[in-house]
Amino acid sequence: MQPLPQASELIELTDRAARVMKSVLRNARGRGIRIVVLSEKGGRSYRLAVGDRARASDLVIERKGVPLYVSPAQSKDMPEMRIDYVRRDGREGFTIQPLGGCGCGPDCACGG
């Protein structure tokens, strides 16, 4: 696996998101959070999942004591992002916001 120089800079994790992730990992007996990039019609979306271990080829990026697992192939398409945990209008959950644009990639026509 070739390390990507920008991999350590890809992800910003808020304090609130780190606290919730640590709690989720304790309760689920997980070891890290897997970030999955999905290409969909009209752009990309991102999913988070509890991981019991990193795969041999994964990039493991630790933020605020939380191991984040990303496949090298997906990290190439992943923009810099901020992960937060929000409570709003009676709902709560993680949000993933690309930093510096919409995160659709170089051929994006969304204006972001």
PDB file of N, CA and C in Angstrom:
ATOM      1  N   MET A   1       0.834  -1.173   0.000  1.00  0.00           N
ATOM      2  CA  MET A   1       0.000   0.000   0.000  1.00  0.00           C
ATOM      3  C   MET A   1       0.883   1.242   0.000  1.00  0.00           C
ATOM      4  N   GLN A   2       0.636   2.130  -0.916  1.00  0.00           N
ATOM      5  CA  GLN A   2       1.376   3.387  -0.956  1.00  0.00           C
ATOM      6  C   GLN A   2       0.638   4.431  -0.131  1.00  0.00           C
ATOM      7  N   PRO A   3       1.297   5.053   0.814  1.00  0.00           N
ATOM      8  CA  PRO A   3       0.605   6.078   1.588  1.00  0.00           C
ATOM      9  C   PRO A   3       0.325   7.299   0.733  1.00  0.00           C
ATOM     10  N   LEU A   4      -0.835   7.876   0.931  1.00  0.00           N
ATOM     11  CA  LEU A   4      -1.181   9.100   0.225  1.00  0.00           C
ATOM     12  C   LEU A   4      -0.798  10.270   1.115  1.00  0.00           C
ATOM     13  N   PRO A   5       0.004  11.198   0.625  1.00  0.00           N
ATOM     14  CA  PRO A   5       0.461  12.282   1.480  1.00  0.00           C
ATOM     15  C   PRO A   5      -0.674  13.118   2.048  1.00  0.00           C
ATOM     16  N   GLN A   6      -1.764  13.257   1.295  1.00  0.00           N
ATOM     17  CA  GLN A   6      -2.860  14.075   1.777  1.00  0.00           C
ATOM     18  C   GLN A   6      -3.813  13.310   2.683  1.00  0.00           C
ATOM     19  N   ALA A   7      -3.643  12.016   2.858  1.00  0.00           N
ATOM     20  CA  ALA A   7      -4.597  11.213   3.624  1.00  0.00           C
ATOM     21  C   ALA A   7      -4.753  11.715   5.050  1.00  0.00           C
ATOM     22  N   SER A   8      -3.671  12.157   5.655  1.00  0.00           N
ATOM     23  CA  SER A   8      -3.762  12.607   7.043  1.00  0.00           C
ATOM     24  C   SER A   8      -4.498  13.935   7.161  1.00  0.00           C
ATOM     25  N   GLU A   9      -4.701  14.622   6.063  1.00  0.00           N
ATOM     26  CA  GLU A   9      -5.367  15.921   6.086  1.00  0.00           C
ATOM     27  C   GLU A   9      -6.813  15.853   5.605  1.00  0.00           C
ATOM     28  N   LEU A  10      -7.288  14.677   5.213  1.00  0.00           N
ATOM     29  CA  LEU A  10      -8.598  14.574   4.587  1.00  0.00           C
ATOM     30  C   LEU A  10      -9.763  14.837   5.528  1.00  0.00           C
ATOM     31  N   ILE A  11      -9.633  14.489   6.791  1.00  0.00           N
ATOM     32  CA  ILE A  11     -10.792  14.438   7.661  1.00  0.00           C
ATOM     33  C   ILE A  11     -10.611  15.301   8.903  1.00  0.00           C
ATOM     34  N   GLU A  12     -11.593  16.146   9.139  1.00  0.00           N
ATOM     35  CA  GLU A  12     -11.659  16.926  10.370  1.00  0.00           C
ATOM     36  C   GLU A  12     -12.827  16.368  11.175  1.00  0.00           C
ATOM     37  N   LEU A  13     -12.597  16.084  12.431  1.00  0.00           N
ATOM     38  CA  LEU A  13     -13.613  15.510  13.304  1.00  0.00           C
ATOM     39  C   LEU A  13     -13.875  16.493  14.441  1.00  0.00           C
ATOM     40  N   THR A  14     -15.129  16.870  14.630  1.00  0.00           N
ATOM     41  CA  THR A  14     -15.437  17.789  15.729  1.00  0.00           C
ATOM     42  C   THR A  14     -15.356  17.038  17.054  1.00  0.00           C
ATOM     43  N   ASP A  15     -15.207  17.799  18.135  1.00  0.00           N
ATOM     44  CA  ASP A  15     -15.159  17.193  19.467  1.00  0.00           C
ATOM     45  C   ASP A  15     -16.435  16.412  19.761  1.00  0.00           C
ATOM     46  N   ARG A  16     -17.576  16.980  19.395  1.00  0.00           N
ATOM     47  CA  ARG A  16     -18.869  16.328  19.632  1.00  0.00           C
ATOM     48  C   ARG A  16     -18.953  15.005  18.877  1.00  0.00           C
ATOM     49  N   ALA A  17     -18.546  14.987  17.606  1.00  0.00           N
ATOM     50  CA  ALA A  17     -18.580  13.756  16.816  1.00  0.00           C
ATOM     51  C   ALA A  17     -17.650  12.709  17.412  1.00  0.00           C
ATOM     52  N   ALA A  18     -16.479  13.129  17.867  1.00  0.00           N
ATOM     53  CA  ALA A  18     -15.526  12.185  18.469  1.00  0.00           C
ATOM     54  C   ALA A  18     -16.111  11.554  19.732  1.00  0.00           C
ATOM     55  N   ARG A  19     -16.763  12.362  20.576  1.00  0.00           N
ATOM     56  CA  ARG A  19     -17.374  11.819  21.803  1.00  0.00           C
ATOM     57  C   ARG A  19     -18.434  10.777  21.477  1.00  0.00           C
ATOM     58  N   VAL A  20     -19.299  11.089  20.513  1.00  0.00           N
ATOM     59  CA  VAL A  20     -20.371  10.154  20.150  1.00  0.00           C
ATOM     60  C   VAL A  20     -19.788   8.898  19.507  1.00  0.00           C
ATOM     61  N   MET A  21     -18.801   9.047  18.639  1.00  0.00           N
ATOM     62  CA  MET A  21     -18.181   7.882  18.005  1.00  0.00           C
ATOM     63  C   MET A  21     -17.549   6.961  19.046  1.00  0.00           C
ATOM     64  N   LYS A  22     -16.869   7.538  20.030  1.00  0.00           N
ATOM     65  CA  LYS A  22     -16.256   6.725  21.082  1.00  0.00           C
ATOM     66  C   LYS A  22     -17.320   5.947  21.849  1.00  0.00           C
ATOM     67  N   SER A  23     -18.441   6.584  22.127  1.00  0.00           N
ATOM     68  CA  SER A  23     -19.541   5.921  22.820  1.00  0.00           C
ATOM     69  C   SER A  23     -20.118   4.797  21.963  1.00  0.00           C
ATOM     70  N   VAL A  24     -20.324   5.064  20.685  1.00  0.00           N
ATOM     71  CA  VAL A  24     -20.843   4.046  19.761  1.00  0.00           C
ATOM     72  C   VAL A  24     -19.885   2.862  19.698  1.00  0.00           C
ATOM     73  N   LEU A  25     -18.606   3.136  19.598  1.00  0.00           N
ATOM     74  CA  LEU A  25     -17.617   2.050  19.522  1.00  0.00           C
ATOM     75  C   LEU A  25     -17.618   1.216  20.799  1.00  0.00           C
ATOM     76  N   ARG A  26     -17.717   1.858  21.953  1.00  0.00           N
ATOM     77  CA  ARG A  26     -17.781   1.108  23.221  1.00  0.00           C
ATOM     78  C   ARG A  26     -19.011   0.209  23.259  1.00  0.00           C
ATOM     79  N   ASN A  27     -20.170   0.775  22.916  1.00  0.00           N
ATOM     80  CA  ASN A  27     -21.425   0.019  22.982  1.00  0.00           C
ATOM     81  C   ASN A  27     -21.492  -1.101  21.951  1.00  0.00           C
ATOM     82  N   ALA A  28     -20.914  -0.895  20.781  1.00  0.00           N
ATOM     83  CA  ALA A  28     -20.953  -1.897  19.712  1.00  0.00           C
ATOM     84  C   ALA A  28     -19.728  -2.797  19.722  1.00  0.00           C
ATOM     85  N   ARG A  29     -18.836  -2.544  20.664  1.00  0.00           N
ATOM     86  CA  ARG A  29     -17.570  -3.279  20.752  1.00  0.00           C
ATOM     87  C   ARG A  29     -16.799  -3.220  19.423  1.00  0.00           C
ATOM     88  N   GLY A  30     -16.861  -2.046  18.797  1.00  0.00           N
ATOM     89  CA  GLY A  30     -16.125  -1.835  17.559  1.00  0.00           C
ATOM     90  C   GLY A  30     -14.760  -1.253  17.852  1.00  0.00           C
ATOM     91  N   ARG A  31     -13.923  -1.292  16.836  1.00  0.00           N
ATOM     92  CA  ARG A  31     -12.564  -0.761  17.004  1.00  0.00           C
ATOM     93  C   ARG A  31     -12.326   0.521  16.224  1.00  0.00           C
ATOM     94  N   GLY A  32     -13.176   0.799  15.243  1.00  0.00           N
ATOM     95  CA  GLY A  32     -12.996   1.994  14.444  1.00  0.00           C
ATOM     96  C   GLY A  32     -14.247   2.291  13.642  1.00  0.00           C
ATOM     97  N   ILE A  33     -14.237   3.433  12.986  1.00  0.00           N
ATOM     98  CA  ILE A  33     -15.353   3.863  12.147  1.00  0.00           C
ATOM     99  C   ILE A  33     -14.901   3.822  10.694  1.00  0.00           C
ATOM    100  N   ARG A  34     -15.648   3.077   9.883  1.00  0.00           N
ATOM    101  CA  ARG A  34     -15.352   2.986   8.449  1.00  0.00           C
ATOM    102  C   ARG A  34     -16.122   4.087   7.720  1.00  0.00           C
ATOM    103  N   ILE A  35     -15.406   4.827   6.863  1.00  0.00           N
ATOM    104  CA  ILE A  35     -16.024   5.843   6.016  1.00  0.00           C
ATOM    105  C   ILE A  35     -16.124   5.251   4.615  1.00  0.00           C
ATOM    106  N   VAL A  36     -17.341   5.236   4.090  1.00  0.00           N
ATOM    107  CA  VAL A  36     -17.590   4.668   2.766  1.00  0.00           C
ATOM    108  C   VAL A  36     -18.065   5.784   1.848  1.00  0.00           C
ATOM    109  N   VAL A  37     -17.452   5.885   0.682  1.00  0.00           N
ATOM    110  CA  VAL A  37     -17.837   6.870  -0.322  1.00  0.00           C
ATOM    111  C   VAL A  37     -18.669   6.160  -1.375  1.00  0.00           C
ATOM    112  N   LEU A  38     -19.882   6.649  -1.597  1.00  0.00           N
ATOM    113  CA  LEU A  38     -20.768   6.064  -2.597  1.00  0.00           C
ATOM    114  C   LEU A  38     -20.955   7.051  -3.742  1.00  0.00           C
ATOM    115  N   SER A  39     -20.723   6.584  -4.969  1.00  0.00           N
ATOM    116  CA  SER A  39     -20.993   7.419  -6.136  1.00  0.00           C
ATOM    117  C   SER A  39     -22.438   7.169  -6.529  1.00  0.00           C
ATOM    118  N   GLU A  40     -23.184   8.239  -6.591  1.00  0.00           N
ATOM    119  CA  GLU A  40     -24.594   8.143  -6.926  1.00  0.00           C
ATOM    120  C   GLU A  40     -24.905   9.109  -8.050  1.00  0.00           C
ATOM    121  N   LYS A  41     -26.022   8.867  -8.681  1.00  0.00           N
ATOM    122  CA  LYS A  41     -26.451   9.786  -9.728  1.00  0.00           C
ATOM    123  C   LYS A  41     -26.577  11.180  -9.119  1.00  0.00           C
ATOM    124  N   GLY A  42     -25.877  12.119  -9.669  1.00  0.00           N
ATOM    125  CA  GLY A  42     -25.938  13.480  -9.162  1.00  0.00           C
ATOM    126  C   GLY A  42     -24.863  13.812  -8.140  1.00  0.00           C
ATOM    127  N   GLY A  43     -23.957  12.887  -7.841  1.00  0.00           N
ATOM    128  CA  GLY A  43     -22.881  13.219  -6.912  1.00  0.00           C
ATOM    129  C   GLY A  43     -22.457  12.049  -6.051  1.00  0.00           C
ATOM    130  N   ARG A  44     -21.926  12.374  -4.902  1.00  0.00           N
ATOM    131  CA  ARG A  44     -21.425  11.366  -3.966  1.00  0.00           C
ATOM    132  C   ARG A  44     -22.166  11.491  -2.651  1.00  0.00           C
ATOM    133  N   SER A  45     -22.214  10.376  -1.943  1.00  0.00           N
ATOM    134  CA  SER A  45     -22.705  10.416  -0.576  1.00  0.00           C
ATOM    135  C   SER A  45     -21.722   9.621   0.270  1.00  0.00           C
ATOM    136  N   TYR A  46     -21.824   9.796   1.565  1.00  0.00           N
ATOM    137  CA  TYR A  46     -20.870   9.193   2.486  1.00  0.00           C
ATOM    138  C   TYR A  46     -21.632   8.459   3.573  1.00  0.00           C
ATOM    139  N   ARG A  47     -21.119   7.314   3.961  1.00  0.00           N
ATOM    140  CA  ARG A  47     -21.728   6.514   5.021  1.00  0.00           C
ATOM    141  C   ARG A  47     -20.679   6.211   6.076  1.00  0.00           C
ATOM    142  N   LEU A  48     -21.135   6.076   7.301  1.00  0.00           N
ATOM    143  CA  LEU A  48     -20.273   5.689   8.410  1.00  0.00           C
ATOM    144  C   LEU A  48     -20.768   4.347   8.932  1.00  0.00           C
ATOM    145  N   ALA A  49     -19.835   3.479   9.296  1.00  0.00           N
ATOM    146  CA  ALA A  49     -20.192   2.164   9.842  1.00  0.00           C
ATOM    147  C   ALA A  49     -19.177   1.780  10.905  1.00  0.00           C
ATOM    148  N   VAL A  50     -19.637   1.041  11.892  1.00  0.00           N
ATOM    149  CA  VAL A  50     -18.727   0.538  12.919  1.00  0.00           C
ATOM    150  C   VAL A  50     -17.904  -0.583  12.298  1.00  0.00           C
ATOM    151  N   GLY A  51     -16.599  -0.517  12.501  1.00  0.00           N
ATOM    152  CA  GLY A  51     -15.707  -1.556  11.988  1.00  0.00           C
ATOM    153  C   GLY A  51     -15.074  -2.336  13.121  1.00  0.00           C
ATOM    154  N   ASP A  52     -15.009  -3.648  12.960  1.00  0.00           N
ATOM    155  CA  ASP A  52     -14.372  -4.452  14.003  1.00  0.00           C
ATOM    156  C   ASP A  52     -12.864  -4.509  13.822  1.00  0.00           C
ATOM    157  N   ARG A  53     -12.412  -4.192  12.602  1.00  0.00           N
ATOM    158  CA  ARG A  53     -10.968  -4.130  12.353  1.00  0.00           C
ATOM    159  C   ARG A  53     -10.717  -3.460  11.011  1.00  0.00           C
ATOM    160  N   ALA A  54      -9.520  -2.934  10.875  1.00  0.00           N
ATOM    161  CA  ALA A  54      -9.112  -2.354   9.598  1.00  0.00           C
ATOM    162  C   ALA A  54      -8.692  -3.479   8.667  1.00  0.00           C
ATOM    163  N   ARG A  55      -8.969  -3.311   7.393  1.00  0.00           N
ATOM    164  CA  ARG A  55      -8.477  -4.252   6.381  1.00  0.00           C
ATOM    165  C   ARG A  55      -6.998  -3.960   6.149  1.00  0.00           C
ATOM    166  N   ALA A  56      -6.286  -4.946   5.649  1.00  0.00           N
ATOM    167  CA  ALA A  56      -4.836  -4.798   5.448  1.00  0.00           C
ATOM    168  C   ALA A  56      -4.498  -3.599   4.557  1.00  0.00           C
ATOM    169  N   SER A  57      -5.351  -3.297   3.605  1.00  0.00           N
ATOM    170  CA  SER A  57      -5.056  -2.210   2.666  1.00  0.00           C
ATOM    171  C   SER A  57      -5.627  -0.856   3.108  1.00  0.00           C
ATOM    172  N   ASP A  58      -6.396  -0.815   4.177  1.00  0.00           N
ATOM    173  CA  ASP A  58      -7.033   0.431   4.614  1.00  0.00           C
ATOM    174  C   ASP A  58      -6.030   1.491   5.034  1.00  0.00           C
ATOM    175  N   LEU A  59      -6.423   2.730   4.802  1.00  0.00           N
ATOM    176  CA  LEU A  59      -5.755   3.854   5.437  1.00  0.00           C
ATOM    177  C   LEU A  59      -6.422   3.992   6.797  1.00  0.00           C
ATOM    178  N   VAL A  60      -5.648   4.096   7.835  1.00  0.00           N
ATOM    179  CA  VAL A  60      -6.194   4.299   9.170  1.00  0.00           C
ATOM    180  C   VAL A  60      -5.782   5.701   9.606  1.00  0.00           C
ATOM    181  N   ILE A  61      -6.770   6.543   9.765  1.00  0.00           N
ATOM    182  CA  ILE A  61      -6.541   7.933  10.129  1.00  0.00           C
ATOM    183  C   ILE A  61      -7.137   8.115  11.518  1.00  0.00           C
ATOM    184  N   GLU A  62      -6.312   8.436  12.487  1.00  0.00           N
ATOM    185  CA  GLU A  62      -6.831   8.624  13.834  1.00  0.00           C
ATOM    186  C   GLU A  62      -7.090  10.098  14.090  1.00  0.00           C
ATOM    187  N   ARG A  63      -8.293  10.376  14.549  1.00  0.00           N
ATOM    188  CA  ARG A  63      -8.684  11.738  14.901  1.00  0.00           C
ATOM    189  C   ARG A  63      -9.281  11.717  16.299  1.00  0.00           C
ATOM    190  N   LYS A  64      -8.685  12.482  17.207  1.00  0.00           N
ATOM    191  CA  LYS A  64      -9.206  12.666  18.559  1.00  0.00           C
ATOM    192  C   LYS A  64      -9.486  11.326  19.247  1.00  0.00           C
ATOM    193  N   GLY A  65      -8.599  10.362  19.004  1.00  0.00           N
ATOM    194  CA  GLY A  65      -8.728   9.052  19.637  1.00  0.00           C
ATOM    195  C   GLY A  65      -9.667   8.092  18.940  1.00  0.00           C
ATOM    196  N   VAL A  66     -10.173   8.454  17.762  1.00  0.00           N
ATOM    197  CA  VAL A  66     -11.083   7.595  17.007  1.00  0.00           C
ATOM    198  C   VAL A  66     -10.379   7.123  15.736  1.00  0.00           C
ATOM    199  N   PRO A  67     -10.171   5.801  15.584  1.00  0.00           N
ATOM    200  CA  PRO A  67      -9.607   5.294  14.334  1.00  0.00           C
ATOM    201  C   PRO A  67     -10.664   5.349  13.220  1.00  0.00           C
ATOM    202  N   LEU A  68     -10.310   5.951  12.105  1.00  0.00           N
ATOM    203  CA  LEU A  68     -11.189   6.035  10.940  1.00  0.00           C
ATOM    204  C   LEU A  68     -10.569   5.196   9.829  1.00  0.00           C
ATOM    205  N   TYR A  69     -11.358   4.286   9.254  1.00  0.00           N
ATOM    206  CA  TYR A  69     -10.874   3.395   8.203  1.00  0.00           C
ATOM    207  C   TYR A  69     -11.409   3.864   6.849  1.00  0.00           C
ATOM    208  N   VAL A  70     -10.503   3.966   5.874  1.00  0.00           N
ATOM    209  CA  VAL A  70     -10.877   4.362   4.516  1.00  0.00           C
ATOM    210  C   VAL A  70     -10.095   3.496   3.547  1.00  0.00           C
ATOM    211  N   SER A  71     -10.763   2.982   2.531  1.00  0.00           N
ATOM    212  CA  SER A  71     -10.025   2.218   1.524  1.00  0.00           C
ATOM    213  C   SER A  71      -9.208   3.193   0.677  1.00  0.00           C
ATOM    214  N   PRO A  72      -8.006   2.796   0.258  1.00  0.00           N
ATOM    215  CA  PRO A  72      -7.175   3.703  -0.559  1.00  0.00           C
ATOM    216  C   PRO A  72      -7.866   4.130  -1.850  1.00  0.00           C
ATOM    217  N   ALA A  73      -8.610   3.226  -2.480  1.00  0.00           N
ATOM    218  CA  ALA A  73      -9.297   3.573  -3.726  1.00  0.00           C
ATOM    219  C   ALA A  73     -10.341   4.660  -3.481  1.00  0.00           C
ATOM    220  N   GLN A  74     -11.066   4.556  -2.370  1.00  0.00           N
ATOM    221  CA  GLN A  74     -12.085   5.562  -2.087  1.00  0.00           C
ATOM    222  C   GLN A  74     -11.478   6.877  -1.623  1.00  0.00           C
ATOM    223  N   SER A  75     -10.327   6.826  -0.996  1.00  0.00           N
ATOM    224  CA  SER A  75      -9.721   8.073  -0.515  1.00  0.00           C
ATOM    225  C   SER A  75      -9.313   8.976  -1.672  1.00  0.00           C
ATOM    226  N   LYS A  76      -9.074   8.403  -2.834  1.00  0.00           N
ATOM    227  CA  LYS A  76      -8.706   9.207  -3.999  1.00  0.00           C
ATOM    228  C   LYS A  76      -9.856  10.105  -4.446  1.00  0.00           C
ATOM    229  N   ASP A  77     -11.093   9.653  -4.218  1.00  0.00           N
ATOM    230  CA  ASP A  77     -12.274  10.419  -4.611  1.00  0.00           C
ATOM    231  C   ASP A  77     -12.866  11.224  -3.468  1.00  0.00           C
ATOM    232  N   MET A  78     -12.243  11.163  -2.314  1.00  0.00           N
ATOM    233  CA  MET A  78     -12.804  11.783  -1.130  1.00  0.00           C
ATOM    234  C   MET A  78     -12.253  13.190  -0.952  1.00  0.00           C
ATOM    235  N   PRO A  79     -13.146  14.167  -0.854  1.00  0.00           N
ATOM    236  CA  PRO A  79     -12.660  15.528  -0.603  1.00  0.00           C
ATOM    237  C   PRO A  79     -12.286  15.683   0.867  1.00  0.00           C
ATOM    238  N   GLU A  80     -11.634  16.782   1.189  1.00  0.00           N
ATOM    239  CA  GLU A  80     -11.442  17.095   2.604  1.00  0.00           C
ATOM    240  C   GLU A  80     -12.829  17.286   3.188  1.00  0.00           C
ATOM    241  N   MET A  81     -13.028  16.776   4.401  1.00  0.00           N
ATOM    242  CA  MET A  81     -14.373  16.821   4.971  1.00  0.00           C
ATOM    243  C   MET A  81     -14.347  17.053   6.466  1.00  0.00           C
ATOM    244  N   ARG A  82     -15.468  17.549   6.960  1.00  0.00           N
ATOM    245  CA  ARG A  82     -15.673  17.735   8.393  1.00  0.00           C
ATOM    246  C   ARG A  82     -16.831  16.828   8.803  1.00  0.00           C
ATOM    247  N   ILE A  83     -16.584  16.027   9.835  1.00  0.00           N
ATOM    248  CA  ILE A  83     -17.629  15.172  10.379  1.00  0.00           C
ATOM    249  C   ILE A  83     -18.052  15.768  11.716  1.00  0.00           C
ATOM    250  N   ASP A  84     -19.357  15.980  11.858  1.00  0.00           N
ATOM    251  CA  ASP A  84     -19.909  16.543  13.087  1.00  0.00           C
ATOM    252  C   ASP A  84     -21.084  15.677  13.522  1.00  0.00           C
ATOM    253  N   TYR A  85     -21.538  15.911  14.728  1.00  0.00           N
ATOM    254  CA  TYR A  85     -22.742  15.262  15.239  1.00  0.00           C
ATOM    255  C   TYR A  85     -23.664  16.380  15.661  1.00  0.00           C
ATOM    256  N   VAL A  86     -24.864  16.403  15.082  1.00  0.00           N
ATOM    257  CA  VAL A  86     -25.776  17.516  15.336  1.00  0.00           C
ATOM    258  C   VAL A  86     -27.126  17.028  15.851  1.00  0.00           C
ATOM    259  N   ARG A  87     -27.751  17.897  16.607  1.00  0.00           N
ATOM    260  CA  ARG A  87     -29.132  17.705  17.066  1.00  0.00           C
ATOM    261  C   ARG A  87     -29.914  18.914  16.565  1.00  0.00           C
ATOM    262  N   ARG A  88     -30.943  18.647  15.776  1.00  0.00           N
ATOM    263  CA  ARG A  88     -31.704  19.745  15.185  1.00  0.00           C
ATOM    264  C   ARG A  88     -33.129  19.276  14.892  1.00  0.00           C
ATOM    265  N   ASP A  89     -34.091  20.076  15.261  1.00  0.00           N
ATOM    266  CA  ASP A  89     -35.501  19.795  14.966  1.00  0.00           C
ATOM    267  C   ASP A  89     -35.934  18.401  15.424  1.00  0.00           C
ATOM    268  N   GLY A  90     -35.484  17.999  16.616  1.00  0.00           N
ATOM    269  CA  GLY A  90     -35.874  16.703  17.154  1.00  0.00           C
ATOM    270  C   GLY A  90     -35.157  15.515  16.546  1.00  0.00           C
ATOM    271  N   ARG A  91     -34.212  15.775  15.671  1.00  0.00           N
ATOM    272  CA  ARG A  91     -33.445  14.695  15.043  1.00  0.00           C
ATOM    273  C   ARG A  91     -31.987  14.866  15.400  1.00  0.00           C
ATOM    274  N   GLU A  92     -31.252  13.772  15.334  1.00  0.00           N
ATOM    275  CA  GLU A  92     -29.819  13.852  15.601  1.00  0.00           C
ATOM    276  C   GLU A  92     -29.091  12.837  14.749  1.00  0.00           C
ATOM    277  N   GLY A  93     -27.823  13.143  14.475  1.00  0.00           N
ATOM    278  CA  GLY A  93     -27.007  12.230  13.699  1.00  0.00           C
ATOM    279  C   GLY A  93     -25.732  12.899  13.215  1.00  0.00           C
ATOM    280  N   PHE A  94     -24.929  12.096  12.554  1.00  0.00           N
ATOM    281  CA  PHE A  94     -23.669  12.590  12.013  1.00  0.00           C
ATOM    282  C   PHE A  94     -23.925  13.333  10.709  1.00  0.00           C
ATOM    283  N   THR A  95     -23.164  14.383  10.501  1.00  0.00           N
ATOM    284  CA  THR A  95     -23.176  15.083   9.228  1.00  0.00           C
ATOM    285  C   THR A  95     -21.764  15.053   8.666  1.00  0.00           C
ATOM    286  N   ILE A  96     -21.674  14.932   7.364  1.00  0.00           N
ATOM    287  CA  ILE A  96     -20.381  14.962   6.686  1.00  0.00           C
ATOM    288  C   ILE A  96     -20.456  16.072   5.649  1.00  0.00           C
ATOM    289  N   GLN A  97     -19.645  17.091   5.854  1.00  0.00           N
ATOM    290  CA  GLN A  97     -19.638  18.247   4.968  1.00  0.00           C
ATOM    291  C   GLN A  97     -18.288  18.367   4.279  1.00  0.00           C
ATOM    292  N   PRO A  98     -18.269  18.339   2.953  1.00  0.00           N
ATOM    293  CA  PRO A  98     -17.006  18.596   2.252  1.00  0.00           C
ATOM    294  C   PRO A  98     -16.533  20.016   2.547  1.00  0.00           C
ATOM    295  N   LEU A  99     -15.232  20.174   2.730  1.00  0.00           N
ATOM    296  CA  LEU A  99     -14.657  21.491   2.960  1.00  0.00           C
ATOM    297  C   LEU A  99     -14.233  22.077   1.620  1.00  0.00           C
ATOM    298  N   GLY A 100     -14.524  23.330   1.393  1.00  0.00           N
ATOM    299  CA  GLY A 100     -14.084  23.989   0.168  1.00  0.00           C
ATOM    300  C   GLY A 100     -14.804  23.543  -1.070  1.00  0.00           C
ATOM    301  N   GLY A 101     -16.096  23.316  -1.021  1.00  0.00           N
ATOM    302  CA  GLY A 101     -16.870  22.944  -2.209  1.00  0.00           C
ATOM    303  C   GLY A 101     -17.821  21.818  -1.898  1.00  0.00           C
ATOM    304  N   CYS A 102     -18.496  21.361  -2.919  1.00  0.00           N
ATOM    305  CA  CYS A 102     -19.557  20.380  -2.728  1.00  0.00           C
ATOM    306  C   CYS A 102     -19.038  18.957  -2.613  1.00  0.00           C
ATOM    307  N   GLY A 103     -17.816  18.679  -3.076  1.00  0.00           N
ATOM    308  CA  GLY A 103     -17.281  17.329  -2.978  1.00  0.00           C
ATOM    309  C   GLY A 103     -17.644  16.427  -4.122  1.00  0.00           C
ATOM    310  N   CYS A 104     -18.239  16.994  -5.170  1.00  0.00           N
ATOM    311  CA  CYS A 104     -18.639  16.170  -6.316  1.00  0.00           C
ATOM    312  C   CYS A 104     -17.454  15.780  -7.189  1.00  0.00           C
ATOM    313  N   GLY A 105     -16.358  16.480  -7.085  1.00  0.00           N
ATOM    314  CA  GLY A 105     -15.202  16.150  -7.902  1.00  0.00           C
ATOM    315  C   GLY A 105     -14.916  17.219  -8.927  1.00  0.00           C
ATOM    316  N   PRO A 106     -13.864  17.002  -9.740  1.00  0.00           N
ATOM    317  CA  PRO A 106     -13.395  18.043 -10.659  1.00  0.00           C
ATOM    318  C   PRO A 106     -14.366  18.341 -11.798  1.00  0.00           C
ATOM    319  N   ASP A 107     -15.262  17.409 -12.138  1.00  0.00           N
ATOM    320  CA  ASP A 107     -16.179  17.641 -13.241  1.00  0.00           C
ATOM    321  C   ASP A 107     -17.571  18.065 -12.757  1.00  0.00           C
ATOM    322  N   CYS A 108     -17.645  18.507 -11.541  1.00  0.00           N
ATOM    323  CA  CYS A 108     -18.923  18.876 -10.935  1.00  0.00           C
ATOM    324  C   CYS A 108     -19.520  20.103 -11.632  1.00  0.00           C
ATOM    325  N   ALA A 109     -20.820  20.051 -11.848  1.00  0.00           N
ATOM    326  CA  ALA A 109     -21.522  21.176 -12.450  1.00  0.00           C
ATOM    327  C   ALA A 109     -22.559  21.753 -11.500  1.00  0.00           C
ATOM    328  N   CYS A 110     -22.459  21.445 -10.204  1.00  0.00           N
ATOM    329  CA  CYS A 110     -23.487  21.889  -9.260  1.00  0.00           C
ATOM    330  C   CYS A 110     -23.266  23.323  -8.795  1.00  0.00           C
ATOM    331  N   GLY A 111     -22.111  23.876  -9.087  1.00  0.00           N
ATOM    332  CA  GLY A 111     -21.826  25.244  -8.673  1.00  0.00           C
ATOM    333  C   GLY A 111     -21.247  25.364  -7.282  1.00  0.00           C
ATOM    334  N   GLY A 112     -20.955  24.212  -6.639  1.00  0.00           N
ATOM    335  CA  GLY A 112     -20.460  24.230  -5.268  1.00  0.00           C
ATOM    336  C   GLY A 112     -19.049  24.472  -5.138  1.00  0.00           C
TER     337      GLY A 112
END
